[in-house]
């Protein structure tokens, strides 16, 4: 019974603090459930409804400075999430300090590029969230054209597909231009 109540309170976590629930052994081995409303919690919920509350141990900053620091923290957290999802950079457990530094450099450069794309979007009037723009541009295909010749040689060209009308508009607004061909580097 306690587990069921625990799952119910967990599923309704915002309302869970409003009630005090107690399960005791009743007559004949049955469970008895008693509950009561916690008025102090209700008063706090009404007082804080619609407010964003920050708690800090910094006493010499004003509210605007605390808020700015909090926003920067959320942006840093978003950058780590972005690196895991959009950039597909996962934590790697390096054994050497120079490899750790190289990994941090790659993550930092990826974040800088992401923020730069965000600023380009903002300047272009496309908002300040580059995710949708990147998703649209990511649909542009690169095609490898392989042509064998009669002499036995193989000609390889890497070509960029023509963007759709929507993609072309995005690229134009961002002042980005696609190359016609890309070099193929053999490994």
N, C-alpha and C. Protein backbone atom coordinates (compact mmCIF):
# COMPACT_ATOMS: atom_id res chain seq x y z
N UNK A 1 0.83 -1.19 0.00
CA UNK A 1 0.00 0.00 0.00
C UNK A 1 0.87 1.25 0.00
N UNK A 2 1.94 1.21 0.84
CA UNK A 2 2.83 2.37 0.89
C UNK A 2 3.50 2.61 -0.46
N UNK A 3 3.87 1.53 -1.15
CA UNK A 3 4.52 1.67 -2.46
C UNK A 3 3.55 2.29 -3.47
N UNK A 4 2.31 1.85 -3.43
CA UNK A 4 1.31 2.41 -4.35
C UNK A 4 1.12 3.90 -4.09
N UNK A 5 1.02 4.27 -2.83
CA UNK A 5 0.87 5.69 -2.49
C UNK A 5 2.11 6.46 -2.90
N UNK A 6 3.29 5.86 -2.68
CA UNK A 6 4.53 6.50 -3.09
C UNK A 6 4.57 6.76 -4.59
N UNK A 7 4.14 5.78 -5.39
CA UNK A 7 4.10 5.96 -6.84
C UNK A 7 3.10 7.03 -7.23
N UNK A 8 1.96 7.06 -6.54
CA UNK A 8 0.94 8.06 -6.82
C UNK A 8 1.47 9.47 -6.50
N UNK A 9 2.14 9.61 -5.37
CA UNK A 9 2.70 10.91 -5.01
C UNK A 9 3.84 11.30 -5.95
N UNK A 10 4.63 10.32 -6.37
CA UNK A 10 5.73 10.59 -7.30
C UNK A 10 5.19 11.06 -8.65
N UNK A 11 4.12 10.44 -9.11
CA UNK A 11 3.51 10.83 -10.39
C UNK A 11 2.88 12.22 -10.31
N UNK A 12 2.54 12.65 -9.13
CA UNK A 12 1.92 13.97 -8.92
C UNK A 12 2.78 14.78 -7.95
N UNK A 13 4.04 14.96 -8.32
CA UNK A 13 5.01 15.54 -7.38
C UNK A 13 4.68 16.97 -6.97
N UNK A 14 4.05 17.73 -7.86
CA UNK A 14 3.73 19.12 -7.48
C UNK A 14 2.67 19.17 -6.39
N UNK A 15 1.77 18.20 -6.38
CA UNK A 15 0.71 18.18 -5.37
C UNK A 15 1.09 17.35 -4.15
N UNK A 16 2.16 16.56 -4.25
CA UNK A 16 2.53 15.65 -3.17
C UNK A 16 2.81 16.38 -1.87
N UNK A 17 3.41 17.57 -1.94
CA UNK A 17 3.72 18.30 -0.72
C UNK A 17 2.50 18.85 -0.01
N UNK A 18 1.35 18.87 -0.70
CA UNK A 18 0.13 19.40 -0.09
C UNK A 18 -0.53 18.43 0.89
N UNK A 19 -0.07 17.16 0.87
CA UNK A 19 -0.72 16.16 1.70
C UNK A 19 0.29 15.39 2.53
N UNK A 20 -0.14 15.05 3.73
CA UNK A 20 0.64 14.17 4.60
C UNK A 20 -0.14 12.86 4.66
N UNK A 21 0.47 11.80 4.16
CA UNK A 21 -0.20 10.50 4.07
C UNK A 21 0.50 9.53 5.01
N UNK A 22 -0.31 8.76 5.75
CA UNK A 22 0.25 7.78 6.68
C UNK A 22 -0.49 6.46 6.53
N UNK A 23 0.27 5.37 6.43
CA UNK A 23 -0.30 4.03 6.32
C UNK A 23 0.03 3.29 7.61
N UNK A 24 -1.00 2.77 8.25
CA UNK A 24 -0.80 2.02 9.50
C UNK A 24 -1.51 0.68 9.38
N UNK A 25 -1.16 -0.23 10.28
CA UNK A 25 -1.82 -1.54 10.31
C UNK A 25 -3.17 -1.37 10.99
N UNK A 26 -4.19 -1.85 10.30
CA UNK A 26 -5.53 -1.73 10.84
C UNK A 26 -6.01 -3.06 11.41
N UNK A 27 -7.30 -3.17 11.65
CA UNK A 27 -7.89 -4.37 12.21
C UNK A 27 -7.83 -5.53 11.21
N UNK A 28 -7.55 -6.72 11.71
CA UNK A 28 -7.56 -7.91 10.87
C UNK A 28 -6.47 -7.91 9.80
N UNK A 29 -5.37 -7.23 10.03
CA UNK A 29 -4.27 -7.22 9.07
C UNK A 29 -4.49 -6.29 7.89
N UNK A 30 -5.55 -5.52 7.94
CA UNK A 30 -5.80 -4.57 6.85
C UNK A 30 -4.98 -3.30 7.06
N UNK A 31 -4.75 -2.60 5.95
CA UNK A 31 -4.01 -1.34 6.03
C UNK A 31 -5.00 -0.21 6.19
N UNK A 32 -4.64 0.73 7.03
CA UNK A 32 -5.46 1.92 7.22
C UNK A 32 -4.66 3.12 6.69
N UNK A 33 -5.29 3.88 5.84
CA UNK A 33 -4.66 5.05 5.24
C UNK A 33 -5.31 6.30 5.81
N UNK A 34 -4.49 7.19 6.31
CA UNK A 34 -5.01 8.47 6.78
C UNK A 34 -4.21 9.57 6.09
N UNK A 35 -4.88 10.67 5.81
CA UNK A 35 -4.21 11.78 5.15
C UNK A 35 -4.78 13.08 5.65
N UNK A 36 -3.99 14.11 5.54
CA UNK A 36 -4.44 15.45 5.90
C UNK A 36 -3.74 16.48 5.00
N UNK A 37 -4.40 17.59 4.81
CA UNK A 37 -3.81 18.66 4.01
C UNK A 37 -2.80 19.41 4.86
N UNK A 38 -1.71 19.83 4.23
CA UNK A 38 -0.68 20.61 4.89
C UNK A 38 -0.91 22.06 4.46
N UNK A 39 -1.53 22.84 5.32
CA UNK A 39 -1.91 24.21 4.97
C UNK A 39 -0.71 25.11 4.73
N UNK A 40 0.38 24.88 5.47
CA UNK A 40 1.58 25.72 5.28
C UNK A 40 2.10 25.56 3.85
N UNK A 41 2.06 24.34 3.32
CA UNK A 41 2.52 24.10 1.95
C UNK A 41 1.61 24.80 0.94
N UNK A 42 0.30 24.75 1.20
CA UNK A 42 -0.64 25.40 0.30
C UNK A 42 -0.40 26.91 0.29
N UNK A 43 -0.17 27.50 1.45
CA UNK A 43 0.09 28.93 1.51
C UNK A 43 1.37 29.29 0.74
N UNK A 44 2.42 28.45 0.91
CA UNK A 44 3.66 28.69 0.19
C UNK A 44 3.45 28.55 -1.31
N UNK A 45 2.67 27.56 -1.74
CA UNK A 45 2.40 27.35 -3.16
C UNK A 45 1.65 28.54 -3.76
N UNK A 46 0.69 29.07 -3.04
CA UNK A 46 -0.05 30.24 -3.52
C UNK A 46 0.84 31.47 -3.58
N UNK A 47 1.72 31.63 -2.59
CA UNK A 47 2.62 32.78 -2.56
C UNK A 47 3.63 32.73 -3.70
N UNK A 48 4.15 31.54 -3.99
CA UNK A 48 5.22 31.43 -4.99
C UNK A 48 4.71 31.09 -6.39
N UNK A 49 3.42 30.93 -6.58
CA UNK A 49 2.86 30.59 -7.89
C UNK A 49 3.20 31.65 -8.92
N UNK A 50 3.80 31.22 -10.02
CA UNK A 50 4.16 32.15 -11.09
C UNK A 50 5.46 32.89 -10.85
N UNK A 51 6.15 32.59 -9.78
CA UNK A 51 7.42 33.25 -9.47
C UNK A 51 8.58 32.29 -9.71
N UNK A 52 9.68 32.84 -10.06
CA UNK A 52 10.90 32.06 -10.21
C UNK A 52 11.78 32.41 -9.03
N UNK A 53 12.11 31.44 -8.21
CA UNK A 53 12.86 31.69 -7.00
C UNK A 53 14.27 31.13 -7.12
N UNK A 54 15.26 31.93 -6.80
CA UNK A 54 16.64 31.49 -6.78
C UNK A 54 17.15 31.59 -5.36
N UNK A 55 17.84 30.56 -4.93
CA UNK A 55 18.44 30.59 -3.61
C UNK A 55 19.95 30.59 -3.80
N UNK A 56 20.65 31.47 -3.09
CA UNK A 56 22.09 31.61 -3.27
C UNK A 56 22.75 31.94 -1.94
N UNK A 57 24.02 31.60 -1.86
CA UNK A 57 24.80 31.98 -0.68
C UNK A 57 25.57 33.27 -0.93
N UNK A 58 25.39 33.88 -2.10
CA UNK A 58 26.05 35.15 -2.42
C UNK A 58 25.18 36.28 -1.88
N UNK A 59 25.76 37.07 -1.01
CA UNK A 59 24.96 38.11 -0.35
C UNK A 59 25.22 39.52 -0.87
N UNK A 60 26.33 39.70 -1.62
CA UNK A 60 26.66 41.06 -2.05
C UNK A 60 26.27 41.37 -3.49
N UNK A 61 25.46 40.53 -4.13
CA UNK A 61 24.96 40.79 -5.48
C UNK A 61 23.51 41.22 -5.41
N UNK A 62 23.11 42.04 -6.36
CA UNK A 62 21.69 42.38 -6.42
C UNK A 62 20.96 41.32 -7.26
N UNK A 63 19.64 41.46 -7.32
CA UNK A 63 18.81 40.45 -7.99
C UNK A 63 19.17 40.30 -9.47
N UNK A 64 19.47 41.40 -10.14
CA UNK A 64 19.81 41.35 -11.57
C UNK A 64 21.11 40.58 -11.80
N UNK A 65 22.11 40.78 -10.94
CA UNK A 65 23.37 40.05 -11.09
C UNK A 65 23.18 38.56 -10.85
N UNK A 66 22.38 38.20 -9.84
CA UNK A 66 22.10 36.79 -9.57
C UNK A 66 21.38 36.15 -10.75
N UNK A 67 20.40 36.87 -11.30
CA UNK A 67 19.65 36.34 -12.43
C UNK A 67 20.56 36.13 -13.63
N UNK A 68 21.44 37.09 -13.91
CA UNK A 68 22.36 36.97 -15.04
C UNK A 68 23.29 35.78 -14.86
N UNK A 69 23.79 35.57 -13.65
CA UNK A 69 24.66 34.42 -13.38
C UNK A 69 23.89 33.12 -13.57
N UNK A 70 22.63 33.10 -13.15
CA UNK A 70 21.81 31.90 -13.31
C UNK A 70 21.58 31.61 -14.79
N UNK A 71 21.29 32.62 -15.58
CA UNK A 71 21.06 32.45 -17.01
C UNK A 71 22.33 31.91 -17.67
N UNK A 72 23.49 32.42 -17.28
CA UNK A 72 24.74 31.91 -17.84
C UNK A 72 24.95 30.45 -17.47
N UNK A 73 24.57 30.08 -16.27
CA UNK A 73 24.67 28.68 -15.85
C UNK A 73 23.76 27.80 -16.69
N UNK A 74 22.53 28.25 -16.93
CA UNK A 74 21.62 27.44 -17.75
C UNK A 74 22.13 27.34 -19.18
N UNK A 75 22.78 28.40 -19.69
CA UNK A 75 23.34 28.33 -21.04
C UNK A 75 24.50 27.33 -21.09
N UNK A 76 25.32 27.30 -20.04
CA UNK A 76 26.42 26.33 -20.00
C UNK A 76 25.87 24.90 -19.94
N UNK A 77 24.83 24.68 -19.14
CA UNK A 77 24.21 23.36 -19.07
C UNK A 77 23.61 22.98 -20.42
N UNK A 78 22.99 23.94 -21.08
CA UNK A 78 22.43 23.68 -22.41
C UNK A 78 23.53 23.34 -23.40
N UNK A 79 24.69 23.96 -23.24
CA UNK A 79 25.82 23.66 -24.13
C UNK A 79 26.27 22.22 -23.96
N UNK A 80 26.32 21.73 -22.71
CA UNK A 80 26.71 20.35 -22.51
C UNK A 80 25.66 19.40 -23.08
N UNK A 81 24.38 19.73 -22.90
CA UNK A 81 23.33 18.89 -23.49
C UNK A 81 23.43 18.92 -25.01
N UNK A 82 23.69 20.11 -25.57
CA UNK A 82 23.80 20.25 -27.02
C UNK A 82 24.97 19.41 -27.53
N UNK A 83 26.07 19.38 -26.81
CA UNK A 83 27.22 18.60 -27.25
C UNK A 83 26.89 17.11 -27.26
N UNK A 84 26.07 16.67 -26.33
CA UNK A 84 25.70 15.26 -26.28
C UNK A 84 24.72 14.90 -27.38
N UNK A 85 23.81 15.80 -27.73
CA UNK A 85 22.77 15.46 -28.69
C UNK A 85 23.13 15.93 -30.09
N UNK A 86 23.18 17.22 -30.31
CA UNK A 86 23.39 17.76 -31.66
C UNK A 86 24.76 17.43 -32.21
N UNK A 87 25.79 17.56 -31.39
CA UNK A 87 27.14 17.32 -31.87
C UNK A 87 27.59 15.88 -31.66
N UNK A 88 26.81 15.13 -30.93
CA UNK A 88 27.11 13.73 -30.65
C UNK A 88 28.50 13.54 -30.02
N UNK A 89 28.86 14.47 -29.14
CA UNK A 89 30.12 14.36 -28.40
C UNK A 89 29.78 13.76 -27.04
N UNK A 90 30.28 12.61 -26.79
CA UNK A 90 30.02 11.91 -25.53
C UNK A 90 31.23 12.04 -24.61
N UNK A 91 31.01 11.84 -23.32
CA UNK A 91 32.17 11.84 -22.41
C UNK A 91 33.14 10.73 -22.80
N UNK A 92 34.38 11.07 -22.86
CA UNK A 92 35.43 10.11 -23.19
C UNK A 92 36.41 10.13 -22.02
N UNK A 93 36.75 8.96 -21.55
CA UNK A 93 37.63 8.87 -20.40
C UNK A 93 39.07 8.76 -20.89
N UNK A 94 39.73 9.89 -21.02
CA UNK A 94 41.11 9.94 -21.50
C UNK A 94 42.06 9.60 -20.36
N UNK A 95 43.20 9.05 -20.74
CA UNK A 95 44.20 8.68 -19.75
C UNK A 95 45.35 9.69 -19.68
N UNK A 96 45.46 10.54 -20.68
CA UNK A 96 46.57 11.50 -20.72
C UNK A 96 46.02 12.93 -20.69
N UNK A 97 46.76 13.79 -20.01
CA UNK A 97 46.30 15.17 -19.84
C UNK A 97 46.14 15.89 -21.17
N UNK A 98 47.06 15.67 -22.12
CA UNK A 98 46.95 16.36 -23.40
C UNK A 98 45.73 15.90 -24.18
N UNK A 99 45.30 14.66 -24.02
CA UNK A 99 44.08 14.19 -24.69
C UNK A 99 42.84 14.81 -24.05
N UNK A 100 42.87 14.97 -22.74
CA UNK A 100 41.76 15.65 -22.05
C UNK A 100 41.64 17.08 -22.55
N UNK A 101 42.78 17.76 -22.63
CA UNK A 101 42.79 19.15 -23.11
C UNK A 101 42.31 19.23 -24.56
N UNK A 102 42.72 18.28 -25.39
CA UNK A 102 42.27 18.27 -26.79
C UNK A 102 40.76 18.07 -26.87
N UNK A 103 40.23 17.18 -26.03
CA UNK A 103 38.79 16.93 -26.03
C UNK A 103 38.03 18.17 -25.59
N UNK A 104 38.54 18.84 -24.55
CA UNK A 104 37.91 20.07 -24.08
C UNK A 104 37.96 21.13 -25.17
N UNK A 105 39.07 21.22 -25.90
CA UNK A 105 39.20 22.19 -26.98
C UNK A 105 38.16 21.92 -28.07
N UNK A 106 38.00 20.66 -28.45
CA UNK A 106 37.01 20.32 -29.48
C UNK A 106 35.61 20.68 -29.00
N UNK A 107 35.29 20.36 -27.76
CA UNK A 107 33.97 20.70 -27.21
C UNK A 107 33.78 22.21 -27.18
N UNK A 108 34.80 22.94 -26.78
CA UNK A 108 34.71 24.40 -26.72
C UNK A 108 34.51 24.98 -28.11
N UNK A 109 35.29 24.51 -29.09
CA UNK A 109 35.14 25.02 -30.46
C UNK A 109 33.75 24.72 -31.01
N UNK A 110 33.23 23.54 -30.71
CA UNK A 110 31.88 23.20 -31.16
C UNK A 110 30.86 24.15 -30.53
N UNK A 111 31.04 24.46 -29.26
CA UNK A 111 30.13 25.37 -28.58
C UNK A 111 30.23 26.78 -29.18
N UNK A 112 31.46 27.22 -29.47
CA UNK A 112 31.64 28.55 -30.07
C UNK A 112 30.94 28.61 -31.42
N UNK A 113 31.09 27.56 -32.24
CA UNK A 113 30.41 27.53 -33.54
C UNK A 113 28.90 27.57 -33.36
N UNK A 114 28.41 26.86 -32.36
CA UNK A 114 26.96 26.84 -32.09
C UNK A 114 26.47 28.24 -31.71
N UNK A 115 27.21 28.90 -30.82
CA UNK A 115 26.82 30.26 -30.41
C UNK A 115 26.93 31.23 -31.58
N UNK A 116 27.94 31.05 -32.43
CA UNK A 116 28.09 31.91 -33.61
C UNK A 116 26.90 31.73 -34.54
N UNK A 117 26.47 30.50 -34.76
CA UNK A 117 25.29 30.25 -35.59
C UNK A 117 24.07 30.92 -34.97
N UNK A 118 23.96 30.88 -33.64
CA UNK A 118 22.86 31.54 -32.96
C UNK A 118 22.87 33.04 -33.19
N UNK A 119 24.06 33.65 -33.12
CA UNK A 119 24.17 35.09 -33.37
C UNK A 119 23.87 35.43 -34.82
N UNK A 120 24.31 34.58 -35.74
CA UNK A 120 24.02 34.81 -37.16
C UNK A 120 22.50 34.74 -37.39
N UNK A 121 21.85 33.78 -36.74
CA UNK A 121 20.39 33.66 -36.87
C UNK A 121 19.71 34.92 -36.33
N UNK A 122 20.17 35.39 -35.20
CA UNK A 122 19.57 36.58 -34.58
C UNK A 122 19.74 37.81 -35.48
N UNK A 123 20.95 38.00 -36.01
CA UNK A 123 21.20 39.13 -36.91
C UNK A 123 20.36 39.04 -38.17
N UNK A 124 20.08 37.83 -38.62
CA UNK A 124 19.33 37.64 -39.87
C UNK A 124 17.83 37.69 -39.66
N UNK A 125 17.39 37.86 -38.41
CA UNK A 125 15.96 37.90 -38.12
C UNK A 125 15.34 36.52 -38.06
N UNK A 126 16.15 35.49 -37.78
CA UNK A 126 15.64 34.12 -37.72
C UNK A 126 15.48 33.63 -36.28
N UNK A 127 15.50 34.54 -35.32
CA UNK A 127 15.41 34.14 -33.91
C UNK A 127 16.80 33.85 -33.37
N UNK A 128 16.85 33.40 -32.12
CA UNK A 128 18.15 33.13 -31.51
C UNK A 128 18.34 31.66 -31.18
N UNK A 129 17.53 30.80 -31.79
CA UNK A 129 17.66 29.35 -31.56
C UNK A 129 18.10 28.69 -32.86
N UNK A 130 19.37 28.33 -32.95
CA UNK A 130 19.88 27.79 -34.21
C UNK A 130 19.48 26.35 -34.50
N UNK A 131 18.86 25.68 -33.55
CA UNK A 131 18.55 24.25 -33.72
C UNK A 131 17.70 24.00 -34.96
N UNK A 132 16.64 24.77 -35.15
CA UNK A 132 15.75 24.55 -36.30
C UNK A 132 16.47 24.87 -37.61
N UNK A 133 17.27 25.93 -37.59
CA UNK A 133 18.02 26.29 -38.79
C UNK A 133 19.01 25.17 -39.13
N UNK A 134 19.71 24.68 -38.13
CA UNK A 134 20.67 23.60 -38.36
C UNK A 134 19.98 22.34 -38.86
N UNK A 135 18.81 22.03 -38.30
CA UNK A 135 18.06 20.85 -38.77
C UNK A 135 17.69 20.99 -40.24
N UNK A 136 17.30 22.20 -40.65
CA UNK A 136 16.91 22.42 -42.04
C UNK A 136 18.13 22.35 -42.97
N UNK A 137 19.21 22.99 -42.56
CA UNK A 137 20.42 22.98 -43.40
C UNK A 137 21.05 21.59 -43.46
N UNK A 138 20.90 20.82 -42.40
CA UNK A 138 21.47 19.47 -42.36
C UNK A 138 20.86 18.55 -43.42
N UNK A 139 19.72 18.93 -43.95
CA UNK A 139 19.06 18.12 -44.98
C UNK A 139 19.72 18.27 -46.35
N UNK A 140 20.62 19.24 -46.49
CA UNK A 140 21.33 19.42 -47.77
C UNK A 140 22.29 18.23 -47.94
N UNK A 141 22.19 17.58 -49.06
CA UNK A 141 22.96 16.35 -49.29
C UNK A 141 24.27 16.63 -50.03
N UNK A 142 25.24 15.80 -49.75
CA UNK A 142 26.49 15.77 -50.47
C UNK A 142 26.55 14.42 -51.17
N UNK A 143 26.85 14.45 -52.48
CA UNK A 143 26.83 13.23 -53.28
C UNK A 143 28.22 12.97 -53.84
N UNK A 144 28.67 11.73 -53.72
CA UNK A 144 29.92 11.31 -54.36
C UNK A 144 29.57 10.71 -55.71
N UNK A 145 30.11 11.30 -56.76
CA UNK A 145 29.90 10.79 -58.11
C UNK A 145 31.16 10.02 -58.48
N UNK A 146 30.99 8.74 -58.81
CA UNK A 146 32.11 7.88 -59.16
C UNK A 146 31.91 7.43 -60.60
N UNK A 147 32.90 7.75 -61.45
CA UNK A 147 32.80 7.40 -62.87
C UNK A 147 34.03 6.60 -63.29
N UNK A 148 33.85 5.31 -63.58
CA UNK A 148 34.99 4.54 -64.09
C UNK A 148 35.22 4.87 -65.57
N UNK A 149 36.47 4.92 -65.98
CA UNK A 149 36.78 5.20 -67.38
C UNK A 149 37.16 3.90 -68.10
N UNK A 150 37.23 3.96 -69.43
CA UNK A 150 37.60 2.78 -70.22
C UNK A 150 39.04 2.38 -69.96
N UNK A 151 39.88 3.32 -69.55
CA UNK A 151 41.29 3.02 -69.28
C UNK A 151 41.49 2.37 -67.91
N UNK A 152 40.43 2.22 -67.13
CA UNK A 152 40.53 1.60 -65.82
C UNK A 152 40.67 2.58 -64.66
N UNK A 153 40.83 3.85 -64.95
CA UNK A 153 40.91 4.86 -63.89
C UNK A 153 39.49 5.18 -63.39
N UNK A 154 39.43 5.69 -62.19
CA UNK A 154 38.14 6.07 -61.59
C UNK A 154 38.18 7.56 -61.28
N UNK A 155 37.20 8.28 -61.77
CA UNK A 155 37.08 9.71 -61.49
C UNK A 155 36.06 9.87 -60.38
N UNK A 156 36.46 10.57 -59.33
CA UNK A 156 35.57 10.80 -58.18
C UNK A 156 35.36 12.29 -58.01
N UNK A 157 34.12 12.68 -57.88
CA UNK A 157 33.76 14.07 -57.61
C UNK A 157 32.76 14.08 -56.46
N UNK A 158 32.97 14.96 -55.53
CA UNK A 158 32.03 15.13 -54.42
C UNK A 158 31.27 16.42 -54.69
N UNK A 159 29.96 16.29 -54.93
CA UNK A 159 29.12 17.44 -55.30
C UNK A 159 28.10 17.73 -54.21
N UNK A 160 27.76 18.99 -54.07
CA UNK A 160 26.74 19.42 -53.11
C UNK A 160 25.42 19.54 -53.86
N UNK A 161 24.39 18.89 -53.35
CA UNK A 161 23.07 18.94 -53.99
C UNK A 161 22.48 20.35 -53.90
N UNK A 162 21.61 20.65 -54.82
CA UNK A 162 20.94 21.96 -54.81
C UNK A 162 20.01 22.03 -53.60
N UNK A 163 20.07 23.12 -52.85
CA UNK A 163 19.17 23.25 -51.70
C UNK A 163 17.73 23.49 -52.17
N UNK A 164 16.80 23.14 -51.30
CA UNK A 164 15.40 23.44 -51.58
C UNK A 164 15.21 24.95 -51.49
N UNK A 165 14.02 25.41 -51.86
CA UNK A 165 13.75 26.84 -51.82
C UNK A 165 13.89 27.39 -50.39
N UNK A 166 13.35 26.65 -49.41
CA UNK A 166 13.43 27.09 -48.02
C UNK A 166 14.89 27.11 -47.54
N UNK A 167 15.65 26.10 -47.91
CA UNK A 167 17.06 26.06 -47.52
C UNK A 167 17.84 27.21 -48.17
N UNK A 168 17.54 27.49 -49.43
CA UNK A 168 18.21 28.58 -50.14
C UNK A 168 17.93 29.93 -49.47
N UNK A 169 16.68 30.11 -49.02
CA UNK A 169 16.32 31.35 -48.33
C UNK A 169 17.09 31.47 -47.01
N UNK A 170 17.16 30.36 -46.26
CA UNK A 170 17.92 30.37 -45.00
C UNK A 170 19.38 30.70 -45.25
N UNK A 171 19.98 30.04 -46.23
CA UNK A 171 21.39 30.30 -46.53
C UNK A 171 21.61 31.75 -46.94
N UNK A 172 20.69 32.28 -47.73
CA UNK A 172 20.81 33.68 -48.17
C UNK A 172 20.71 34.62 -46.98
N UNK A 173 19.75 34.38 -46.09
CA UNK A 173 19.60 35.25 -44.92
C UNK A 173 20.83 35.19 -44.01
N UNK A 174 21.44 34.00 -43.91
CA UNK A 174 22.63 33.83 -43.08
C UNK A 174 23.90 34.26 -43.80
N UNK A 175 23.77 34.62 -45.06
CA UNK A 175 24.91 34.99 -45.91
C UNK A 175 25.94 33.87 -45.99
N UNK A 176 25.43 32.65 -46.16
CA UNK A 176 26.27 31.47 -46.34
C UNK A 176 26.11 30.99 -47.78
N UNK A 177 27.21 30.54 -48.37
CA UNK A 177 27.16 30.10 -49.76
C UNK A 177 27.74 28.70 -49.85
N UNK A 178 27.03 27.84 -50.54
CA UNK A 178 27.48 26.46 -50.70
C UNK A 178 28.49 26.35 -51.84
N UNK A 179 29.52 25.54 -51.66
CA UNK A 179 30.44 25.29 -52.77
C UNK A 179 29.78 24.32 -53.76
N UNK A 180 30.22 24.35 -54.99
CA UNK A 180 29.70 23.41 -55.99
C UNK A 180 30.27 22.02 -55.78
N UNK A 181 31.57 21.96 -55.42
CA UNK A 181 32.23 20.68 -55.21
C UNK A 181 33.08 20.76 -53.94
N UNK A 182 33.33 19.60 -53.38
CA UNK A 182 34.21 19.48 -52.23
C UNK A 182 35.35 18.57 -52.60
N UNK A 183 36.52 18.80 -52.01
CA UNK A 183 37.65 17.91 -52.25
C UNK A 183 37.43 16.60 -51.52
N UNK A 184 37.91 15.53 -52.14
CA UNK A 184 37.87 14.21 -51.50
C UNK A 184 39.26 13.93 -51.00
N UNK A 185 39.36 13.69 -49.71
CA UNK A 185 40.67 13.38 -49.11
C UNK A 185 40.73 11.88 -48.87
N UNK A 186 41.72 11.26 -49.45
CA UNK A 186 41.93 9.82 -49.27
C UNK A 186 42.66 9.57 -47.97
N UNK A 187 42.27 8.58 -47.26
CA UNK A 187 42.92 8.24 -46.00
C UNK A 187 43.87 7.08 -46.20
